[in-house]
Structure formats: structure tokens, C-alpha cells
Amino acid sequence: MTIASGSAQQGGSHIYRAMRDLVQSMNDTIPGKFEITKKGIVHDMMAPIGPHELTTLHLRKRLEKVMPDAIVAHTGEPDVEDESESIMRRPDVMVITWADMEVPDSFDPRTLIAAIEIVSRSNPDNDWVGKVRDYPLMGIPVYSIFDPRTGTGAVFTDIHPTPDGPRYATRKDFVYGEDVTIADWTISTEGLPLYG
């Protein structure tokens, strides 16, 4: 659900900082997850449920088996923030080096190797529309979506300029059960859970 709309860029960085302060204060008191998008503040009201969390765990463990030790599939805080674009997001899984995690505040999105989202049952457009728009603006080179509603997903790559700003040029769809390549690593999607 979008609870504030309109680009934060229109009013300058002070509006973005006010939205960031609001989001951080709400994250401590209101259930769900808040993010600042190019279109305003988005609130995913539902706490992640079993299949969402189990998919996150499967993906983290499968990726870490094939990646070098210097790279992790991180889940959790902090956010990924690009203040110049007025965007603050928190991917379900962030593929990043240990060294790039050693920061005092939010991660720099340009240090992410990939961002992975498991589609929320309560707000699928946030993953399929909003993040497909925002992640290339932030410079995240690979964005992968896993959708437990349908047992399908997609990997977006190859950021290129467009009249509406940077966008992903390549989309590779997959069906659960197939192998999927995220950045330089291929993992199985066999046995990933679906929403009931």
C-alpha cells in the first residue's frame, strides 16, 4: 500500500529526509515494512509468512554454497539507500561482499552484486513494478524476483538509459524447478515453497 505519493525529488532532499525519519520511526512501532520509493512511501502491512521466509532461507543457503567466501547473501538490515534518487529499500536478499557491508549506516546500492525479492502476497506490485523501476535507478545491476503465488520468477539485468531514466534491458523468466542464474551463480529452484 502506498501511503504517500509523489516524487520526493519534487520538494528536494529535505522532503526525502523527512520521509526517511518518518519511516524509521514507524518501523519501530507499526507492524510491516516501510520503504521509500520513487513514488512515495510504501507499507507492506503483512509480516512475512512461512513460504516467504522459507524461500528467503533457501535462496540464501543455496547461493552461499556456490559463491566465494568473500561474498554473502545477506538478509535483514540495514536498508539500501540512494539519497540522490530519494529511494530507500530493503531487499529480502542482498548479494554483497563482506567488505562492502562494513559501513556505519545504509548500504550503498552500487555495492550490491544483486538484489533478490520474494513477492509479497499482500503487495505484489511493489516487487513486480516498483522495484523493477527503482533498482536500476539505484544502480543495482541484477534484480531477481521469486513469486510463491505462481511458482515463477524473473531475473532483470543490463541497465541501460531510457527517456524515463535507467531501466533493465534484459528479463529472463523462469519456472520453479528450473535452474536460475543470478549474477555469476546458478542455483536450483527445485522445492521452493508456494503460498497455499
Protein backbone atom coordinates (compact mmCIF):
# COMPACT_ATOMS: atom_id res chain seq x y z
CA MET A 1 0.00 0.00 0.00
CA THR A 2 1.35 3.44 -0.90
CA ILE A 3 0.78 5.84 1.98
CA ALA A 4 2.43 8.90 0.50
CA SER A 5 2.65 9.59 -3.18
CA GLY A 6 4.55 11.88 -5.47
CA SER A 7 8.26 12.01 -6.09
CA ALA A 8 10.35 13.09 -3.16
CA GLN A 9 12.61 14.79 -5.69
CA GLN A 10 9.95 17.44 -6.38
CA GLY A 11 10.44 19.09 -2.99
CA GLY A 12 14.15 18.43 -2.66
CA SER A 13 16.24 16.37 -0.33
CA HIS A 14 14.68 17.85 2.84
CA ILE A 15 11.38 16.12 1.96
CA TYR A 16 13.23 12.86 1.40
CA ARG A 17 14.99 13.19 4.77
CA ALA A 18 11.63 13.89 6.45
CA MET A 19 10.16 10.78 4.84
CA ARG A 20 13.21 8.77 5.93
CA ASP A 21 12.81 9.97 9.53
CA LEU A 22 9.10 9.09 9.41
CA VAL A 23 9.80 5.61 8.03
CA GLN A 24 12.45 4.92 10.65
CA SER A 25 10.13 5.98 13.47
CA MET A 26 7.25 3.86 12.11
CA ASN A 27 9.47 0.79 11.64
CA ASP A 28 9.90 0.67 15.41
CA THR A 29 6.19 0.92 16.24
CA ILE A 30 3.98 -0.31 13.38
CA PRO A 31 4.00 -3.88 12.03
CA GLY A 32 5.10 -4.46 8.47
CA LYS A 33 7.87 -3.00 6.36
CA PHE A 34 8.18 0.60 5.13
CA GLU A 35 10.26 1.70 2.15
CA ILE A 36 10.72 4.97 0.28
CA THR A 37 10.20 4.55 -3.44
CA LYS A 38 10.35 6.91 -6.38
CA LYS A 39 6.57 7.30 -5.96
CA GLY A 40 6.42 7.79 -2.17
CA ILE A 41 6.32 5.66 0.98
CA VAL A 42 5.19 2.05 0.58
CA HIS A 43 3.96 -0.04 3.52
CA ASP A 44 3.81 -3.80 3.23
CA MET A 45 1.28 -4.34 6.02
CA MET A 46 1.69 -8.08 6.38
CA ALA A 47 4.60 -9.55 8.27
CA PRO A 48 6.34 -12.13 6.08
CA ILE A 49 4.72 -15.56 6.37
CA GLY A 50 6.17 -19.06 6.26
CA PRO A 51 6.64 -19.58 2.50
CA HIS A 52 8.17 -16.10 2.11
CA GLU A 53 10.66 -16.61 4.92
CA LEU A 54 11.42 -20.20 3.89
CA THR A 55 12.13 -19.07 0.31
CA THR A 56 14.48 -16.39 1.64
CA LEU A 57 16.34 -19.00 3.70
CA HIS A 58 16.57 -21.49 0.80
CA LEU A 59 17.94 -18.83 -1.55
CA ARG A 60 20.49 -17.56 0.96
CA LYS A 61 21.82 -21.05 1.69
CA ARG A 62 21.86 -22.14 -1.99
CA LEU A 63 23.71 -19.02 -3.08
CA GLU A 64 26.26 -19.18 -0.28
CA LYS A 65 27.13 -22.76 -1.28
CA VAL A 66 28.25 -21.60 -4.75
CA MET A 67 29.65 -18.11 -4.05
CA PRO A 68 33.20 -17.35 -2.86
CA ASP A 69 33.66 -16.80 0.88
CA ALA A 70 34.16 -13.04 0.38
CA ILE A 71 30.55 -12.69 -0.85
CA VAL A 72 27.40 -13.25 1.20
CA ALA A 73 23.67 -13.49 0.59
CA HIS A 74 22.64 -11.11 3.37
CA THR A 75 19.11 -10.96 4.77
CA GLY A 76 17.99 -8.22 7.12
CA GLU A 77 19.19 -4.74 7.95
CA PRO A 78 20.40 -2.18 7.06
CA ASP A 79 18.46 -0.64 4.22
CA VAL A 80 19.90 0.11 0.79
CA GLU A 81 19.74 3.85 0.25
CA ASP A 82 20.37 6.22 -2.63
CA GLU A 83 19.71 9.69 -1.29
CA SER A 84 20.42 11.31 -4.68
CA GLU A 85 17.44 9.34 -6.11
CA SER A 86 15.36 9.69 -2.89
CA ILE A 87 14.97 5.91 -2.60
CA MET A 88 15.41 3.65 0.42
CA ARG A 89 14.67 -0.06 0.02
CA ARG A 90 15.36 -3.29 1.91
CA PRO A 91 15.71 -6.28 -0.43
CA ASP A 92 14.86 -9.69 1.01
CA VAL A 93 18.32 -10.93 -0.01
CA MET A 94 21.32 -8.73 -0.85
CA VAL A 95 24.31 -10.30 -2.59
CA ILE A 96 27.23 -8.20 -1.37
CA THR A 97 30.85 -8.55 -0.29
CA TRP A 98 31.79 -8.66 3.37
CA ALA A 99 33.96 -5.58 2.81
CA ASP A 100 31.05 -3.54 1.39
CA MET A 101 28.95 -4.38 4.46
CA GLU A 102 31.41 -2.58 6.73
CA VAL A 103 29.55 0.74 6.72
CA PRO A 104 28.06 2.74 9.60
CA ASP A 105 24.65 3.30 8.02
CA SER A 106 22.72 2.10 4.97
CA PHE A 107 24.36 0.07 2.22
CA ASP A 108 25.37 1.88 -0.96
CA PRO A 109 23.18 0.26 -3.66
CA ARG A 110 26.05 0.40 -6.15
CA THR A 111 27.98 -2.07 -3.98
CA LEU A 112 25.27 -4.72 -4.31
CA ILE A 113 26.02 -7.50 -6.76
CA ALA A 114 22.34 -8.45 -6.84
CA ALA A 115 19.05 -7.82 -5.06
CA ILE A 116 16.51 -10.62 -4.63
CA GLU A 117 12.87 -10.23 -3.67
CA ILE A 118 10.28 -12.81 -2.72
CA VAL A 119 6.92 -11.45 -3.84
CA SER A 120 4.62 -10.45 -1.00
CA ARG A 121 1.12 -11.82 -1.19
CA SER A 122 -0.24 -8.51 0.15
CA ASN A 123 1.55 -6.16 -2.28
CA PRO A 124 2.95 -7.91 -5.39
CA ASP A 125 3.17 -4.68 -7.43
CA ASN A 126 5.84 -3.42 -5.04
CA ASP A 127 8.17 -6.18 -6.33
CA TRP A 128 6.98 -6.54 -9.93
CA VAL A 129 6.53 -2.83 -10.73
CA GLY A 130 8.06 -0.51 -8.12
CA LYS A 131 11.35 -2.31 -7.62
CA VAL A 132 11.76 -3.02 -11.34
CA ARG A 133 11.62 0.79 -11.68
CA ASP A 134 13.69 1.74 -8.60
CA TYR A 135 16.53 -0.79 -8.59
CA PRO A 136 18.07 0.27 -11.93
CA LEU A 137 17.78 3.92 -10.83
CA MET A 138 19.82 2.95 -7.78
CA GLY A 139 22.42 1.15 -9.93
CA ILE A 140 21.72 -2.40 -8.68
CA PRO A 141 22.99 -4.48 -11.63
CA VAL A 142 20.93 -7.65 -11.10
CA TYR A 143 17.41 -7.92 -9.71
CA SER A 144 15.78 -11.32 -9.26
CA ILE A 145 12.14 -11.93 -8.30
CA PHE A 146 10.73 -15.17 -6.89
CA ASP A 147 6.93 -15.35 -6.81
CA PRO A 148 5.46 -18.00 -4.45
CA ARG A 149 1.95 -17.12 -5.70
CA THR A 150 2.67 -18.61 -9.13
CA GLY A 151 5.89 -20.62 -8.82
CA THR A 152 7.58 -18.35 -11.34
CA GLY A 153 10.14 -15.57 -11.35
CA ALA A 154 12.42 -13.38 -13.41
CA VAL A 155 15.97 -12.06 -13.43
CA PHE A 156 16.50 -8.49 -14.67
CA THR A 157 19.94 -7.34 -15.90
CA ASP A 158 21.75 -4.97 -18.26
CA ILE A 159 20.88 -1.48 -17.05
CA HIS A 160 20.63 0.97 -19.95
CA PRO A 161 19.49 4.59 -20.34
CA THR A 162 15.95 5.37 -21.44
CA PRO A 163 13.96 8.64 -21.64
CA ASP A 164 12.42 7.69 -18.25
CA GLY A 165 15.82 7.02 -16.66
CA PRO A 166 17.88 3.83 -16.29
CA ARG A 167 15.96 0.59 -16.86
CA TYR A 168 16.80 -3.10 -17.12
CA ALA A 169 17.18 -4.17 -20.76
CA THR A 170 17.08 -7.94 -20.21
CA ARG A 171 14.45 -10.05 -18.49
CA LYS A 172 14.82 -13.83 -18.17
CA ASP A 173 11.72 -15.60 -16.86
CA PHE A 174 11.86 -18.94 -15.06
CA VAL A 175 9.54 -21.53 -13.56
CA TYR A 176 10.17 -23.15 -10.19
CA GLY A 177 12.06 -26.39 -10.77
CA GLU A 178 14.43 -24.81 -13.30
CA ASP A 179 17.95 -23.63 -12.53
CA VAL A 180 18.31 -19.85 -12.37
CA THR A 181 21.44 -17.73 -12.78
CA ILE A 182 21.78 -14.70 -10.51
CA ALA A 183 24.86 -12.65 -11.39
CA ASP A 184 27.65 -15.26 -11.75
CA TRP A 185 26.00 -18.09 -9.83
CA THR A 186 23.46 -20.72 -10.83
CA ILE A 187 21.18 -22.31 -8.25
CA SER A 188 18.25 -24.70 -8.30
CA THR A 189 14.69 -23.52 -7.71
CA GLU A 190 13.56 -27.07 -7.01
CA GLY A 191 11.35 -27.44 -3.94
CA LEU A 192 10.79 -23.74 -3.23
CA PRO A 193 7.52 -23.31 -1.31
CA LEU A 194 4.33 -21.81 -2.70
CA TYR A 195 1.65 -19.80 -0.96
CA GLY A 196 -1.27 -22.06 -0.05
